[in-house]
Amino acid sequence: MDGVIGRHNPSEFRRKVLDLVASGRRVAQVAADLDISEQVIYTWRRQELVDTGQLPGTTSVDNAELVAARRRIAELEAEVAVHRRAAELLKESSTPTDGTRRSR
């Protein structure tokens, strides 16, 4: 049955697993047939309920946006750190060390 569902596309695989459960197949049987954990199926089913507004929680779309935003924030923080360090280095290189002013 693995070949029928095709694990090469995770979202398609998840959709077909959830369709099997929705059609009345027992979670334990689907999990055993496809060699995946029952907990994974329950997690997918819960997320589907959140995504369709049947349960409160963070939707998949919102979660993806949060992940992207956090990644971008981390990139910007790293960029700011580089600029701060560069400014410190430039300040150090332009400050006279012996207390006298540099001549132009």
C-alpha atoms as a PDB file:
ATOM      1  CA  MET A   1       0.000   0.000   0.000  1.00  0.00           C
ATOM      2  CA  ASP A   2       3.010   2.265   0.504  1.00  0.00           C
ATOM      3  CA  GLY A   3       3.490   2.585  -3.242  1.00  0.00           C
ATOM      4  CA  VAL A   4      -0.156   3.464  -3.791  1.00  0.00           C
ATOM      5  CA  ILE A   5      -0.060   6.466  -1.479  1.00  0.00           C
ATOM      6  CA  GLY A   6       3.475   7.563  -2.305  1.00  0.00           C
ATOM      7  CA  ARG A   7       5.604   9.055   0.439  1.00  0.00           C
ATOM      8  CA  HIS A   8       7.499  11.217  -2.044  1.00  0.00           C
ATOM      9  CA  ASN A   9       4.976  14.005  -1.459  1.00  0.00           C
ATOM     10  CA  PRO A  10       4.476  14.468   2.303  1.00  0.00           C
ATOM     11  CA  SER A  11       1.394  16.695   2.039  1.00  0.00           C
ATOM     12  CA  GLU A  12      -0.259  14.287  -0.418  1.00  0.00           C
ATOM     13  CA  PHE A  13       0.646  11.351   1.815  1.00  0.00           C
ATOM     14  CA  ARG A  14      -0.798  13.127   4.872  1.00  0.00           C
ATOM     15  CA  ARG A  15      -3.997  13.973   2.983  1.00  0.00           C
ATOM     16  CA  LYS A  16      -4.481  10.355   1.886  1.00  0.00           C
ATOM     17  CA  VAL A  17      -3.811   9.040   5.398  1.00  0.00           C
ATOM     18  CA  LEU A  18      -6.415  11.430   6.804  1.00  0.00           C
ATOM     19  CA  ASP A  19      -8.849  10.431   4.055  1.00  0.00           C
ATOM     20  CA  LEU A  20      -8.417   6.771   5.027  1.00  0.00           C
ATOM     21  CA  VAL A  21      -9.202   7.584   8.659  1.00  0.00           C
ATOM     22  CA  ALA A  22     -12.152   9.793   7.661  1.00  0.00           C
ATOM     23  CA  SER A  23     -13.538   6.944   5.567  1.00  0.00           C
ATOM     24  CA  GLY A  24     -13.889   4.866   8.736  1.00  0.00           C
ATOM     25  CA  ARG A  25     -10.620   2.951   8.906  1.00  0.00           C
ATOM     26  CA  ARG A  26      -9.198   2.638  12.395  1.00  0.00           C
ATOM     27  CA  VAL A  27      -6.166   4.802  13.153  1.00  0.00           C
ATOM     28  CA  ALA A  28      -4.293   1.787  14.534  1.00  0.00           C
ATOM     29  CA  GLN A  29      -4.875  -0.174  11.326  1.00  0.00           C
ATOM     30  CA  VAL A  30      -3.857   2.685   9.029  1.00  0.00           C
ATOM     31  CA  ALA A  31      -0.740   3.273  11.122  1.00  0.00           C
ATOM     32  CA  ALA A  32       0.195  -0.414  11.004  1.00  0.00           C
ATOM     33  CA  ASP A  33      -0.501  -0.707   7.259  1.00  0.00           C
ATOM     34  CA  LEU A  34       1.620   2.333   6.422  1.00  0.00           C
ATOM     35  CA  ASP A  35       4.298   1.830   9.074  1.00  0.00           C
ATOM     36  CA  ILE A  36       3.755   5.198  10.734  1.00  0.00           C
ATOM     37  CA  SER A  37       2.956   5.985  14.338  1.00  0.00           C
ATOM     38  CA  GLU A  38      -0.601   6.382  15.516  1.00  0.00           C
ATOM     39  CA  GLN A  39       0.447   9.588  17.276  1.00  0.00           C
ATOM     40  CA  VAL A  40       1.483  11.110  13.945  1.00  0.00           C
ATOM     41  CA  ILE A  41      -1.984  10.429  12.555  1.00  0.00           C
ATOM     42  CA  TYR A  42      -3.662  11.909  15.629  1.00  0.00           C
ATOM     43  CA  THR A  43      -1.421  14.999  15.357  1.00  0.00           C
ATOM     44  CA  TRP A  44      -2.236  15.411  11.664  1.00  0.00           C
ATOM     45  CA  ARG A  45      -5.939  14.992  12.367  1.00  0.00           C
ATOM     46  CA  ARG A  46      -5.861  17.583  15.150  1.00  0.00           C
ATOM     47  CA  GLN A  47      -4.008  20.050  12.916  1.00  0.00           C
ATOM     48  CA  GLU A  48      -6.586  19.496  10.198  1.00  0.00           C
ATOM     49  CA  LEU A  49      -9.333  20.383  12.695  1.00  0.00           C
ATOM     50  CA  VAL A  50      -7.451  23.561  13.644  1.00  0.00           C
ATOM     51  CA  ASP A  51      -6.882  24.454   9.976  1.00  0.00           C
ATOM     52  CA  THR A  52     -10.580  24.053   9.209  1.00  0.00           C
ATOM     53  CA  GLY A  53     -11.625  26.147  12.211  1.00  0.00           C
ATOM     54  CA  GLN A  54     -13.165  23.261  14.132  1.00  0.00           C
ATOM     55  CA  LEU A  55     -10.640  23.575  16.971  1.00  0.00           C
ATOM     56  CA  PRO A  56      -8.845  26.637  18.321  1.00  0.00           C
ATOM     57  CA  GLY A  57      -5.139  26.894  17.673  1.00  0.00           C
ATOM     58  CA  THR A  58      -2.475  28.094  15.267  1.00  0.00           C
ATOM     59  CA  THR A  59      -3.235  27.141  11.688  1.00  0.00           C
ATOM     60  CA  SER A  60      -0.608  25.655   9.397  1.00  0.00           C
ATOM     61  CA  VAL A  61      -0.554  28.860   7.350  1.00  0.00           C
ATOM     62  CA  ASP A  62      -0.076  31.022  10.448  1.00  0.00           C
ATOM     63  CA  ASN A  63       2.611  28.675  11.714  1.00  0.00           C
ATOM     64  CA  ALA A  64       4.486  28.842   8.403  1.00  0.00           C
ATOM     65  CA  GLU A  65       4.328  32.652   8.537  1.00  0.00           C
ATOM     66  CA  LEU A  66       5.643  32.631  12.111  1.00  0.00           C
ATOM     67  CA  VAL A  67       8.532  30.366  11.136  1.00  0.00           C
ATOM     68  CA  ALA A  68       9.402  32.643   8.203  1.00  0.00           C
ATOM     69  CA  ALA A  69       9.148  35.751  10.393  1.00  0.00           C
ATOM     70  CA  ARG A  70      11.369  34.241  13.081  1.00  0.00           C
ATOM     71  CA  ARG A  71      13.921  33.229  10.452  1.00  0.00           C
ATOM     72  CA  ARG A  72      13.906  36.780   9.024  1.00  0.00           C
ATOM     73  CA  ILE A  73      14.240  38.308  12.498  1.00  0.00           C
ATOM     74  CA  ALA A  74      17.257  36.088  13.183  1.00  0.00           C
ATOM     75  CA  GLU A  75      18.834  37.166   9.871  1.00  0.00           C
ATOM     76  CA  LEU A  76      18.231  40.840  10.658  1.00  0.00           C
ATOM     77  CA  GLU A  77      19.614  40.470  14.187  1.00  0.00           C
ATOM     78  CA  ALA A  78      22.758  38.867  12.764  1.00  0.00           C
ATOM     79  CA  GLU A  79      23.042  41.685  10.246  1.00  0.00           C
ATOM     80  CA  VAL A  80      22.698  44.321  12.981  1.00  0.00           C
ATOM     81  CA  ALA A  81      25.370  42.537  15.032  1.00  0.00           C
ATOM     82  CA  VAL A  82      27.748  42.642  12.056  1.00  0.00           C
ATOM     83  CA  HIS A  83      27.087  46.359  11.540  1.00  0.00           C
ATOM     84  CA  ARG A  84      27.619  47.086  15.229  1.00  0.00           C
ATOM     85  CA  ARG A  85      30.896  45.180  15.239  1.00  0.00           C
ATOM     86  CA  ALA A  86      32.028  46.959  12.075  1.00  0.00           C
ATOM     87  CA  ALA A  87      31.193  50.326  13.664  1.00  0.00           C
ATOM     88  CA  GLU A  88      33.176  49.368  16.769  1.00  0.00           C
ATOM     89  CA  LEU A  89      36.170  48.376  14.654  1.00  0.00           C
ATOM     90  CA  LEU A  90      36.001  51.581  12.639  1.00  0.00           C
ATOM     91  CA  LYS A  91      35.735  53.631  15.809  1.00  0.00           C
ATOM     92  CA  GLU A  92      38.768  51.839  17.303  1.00  0.00           C
ATOM     93  CA  SER A  93      40.863  52.344  14.172  1.00  0.00           C
ATOM     94  CA  SER A  94      40.092  56.072  14.019  1.00  0.00           C
ATOM     95  CA  THR A  95      40.719  56.784  17.718  1.00  0.00           C
ATOM     96  CA  PRO A  96      44.291  57.848  18.497  1.00  0.00           C
ATOM     97  CA  THR A  97      45.920  55.471  20.960  1.00  0.00           C
ATOM     98  CA  ASP A  98      48.652  57.773  22.301  1.00  0.00           C
ATOM     99  CA  GLY A  99      46.387  60.658  23.200  1.00  0.00           C
ATOM    100  CA  THR A 100      47.504  62.904  20.359  1.00  0.00           C
ATOM    101  CA  ARG A 101      45.497  63.950  17.395  1.00  0.00           C
ATOM    102  CA  ARG A 102      46.389  62.637  13.998  1.00  0.00           C
ATOM    103  CA  SER A 103      47.615  65.134  11.483  1.00  0.00           C
ATOM    104  CA  ARG A 104      45.858  65.446   8.177  1.00  0.00           C
END
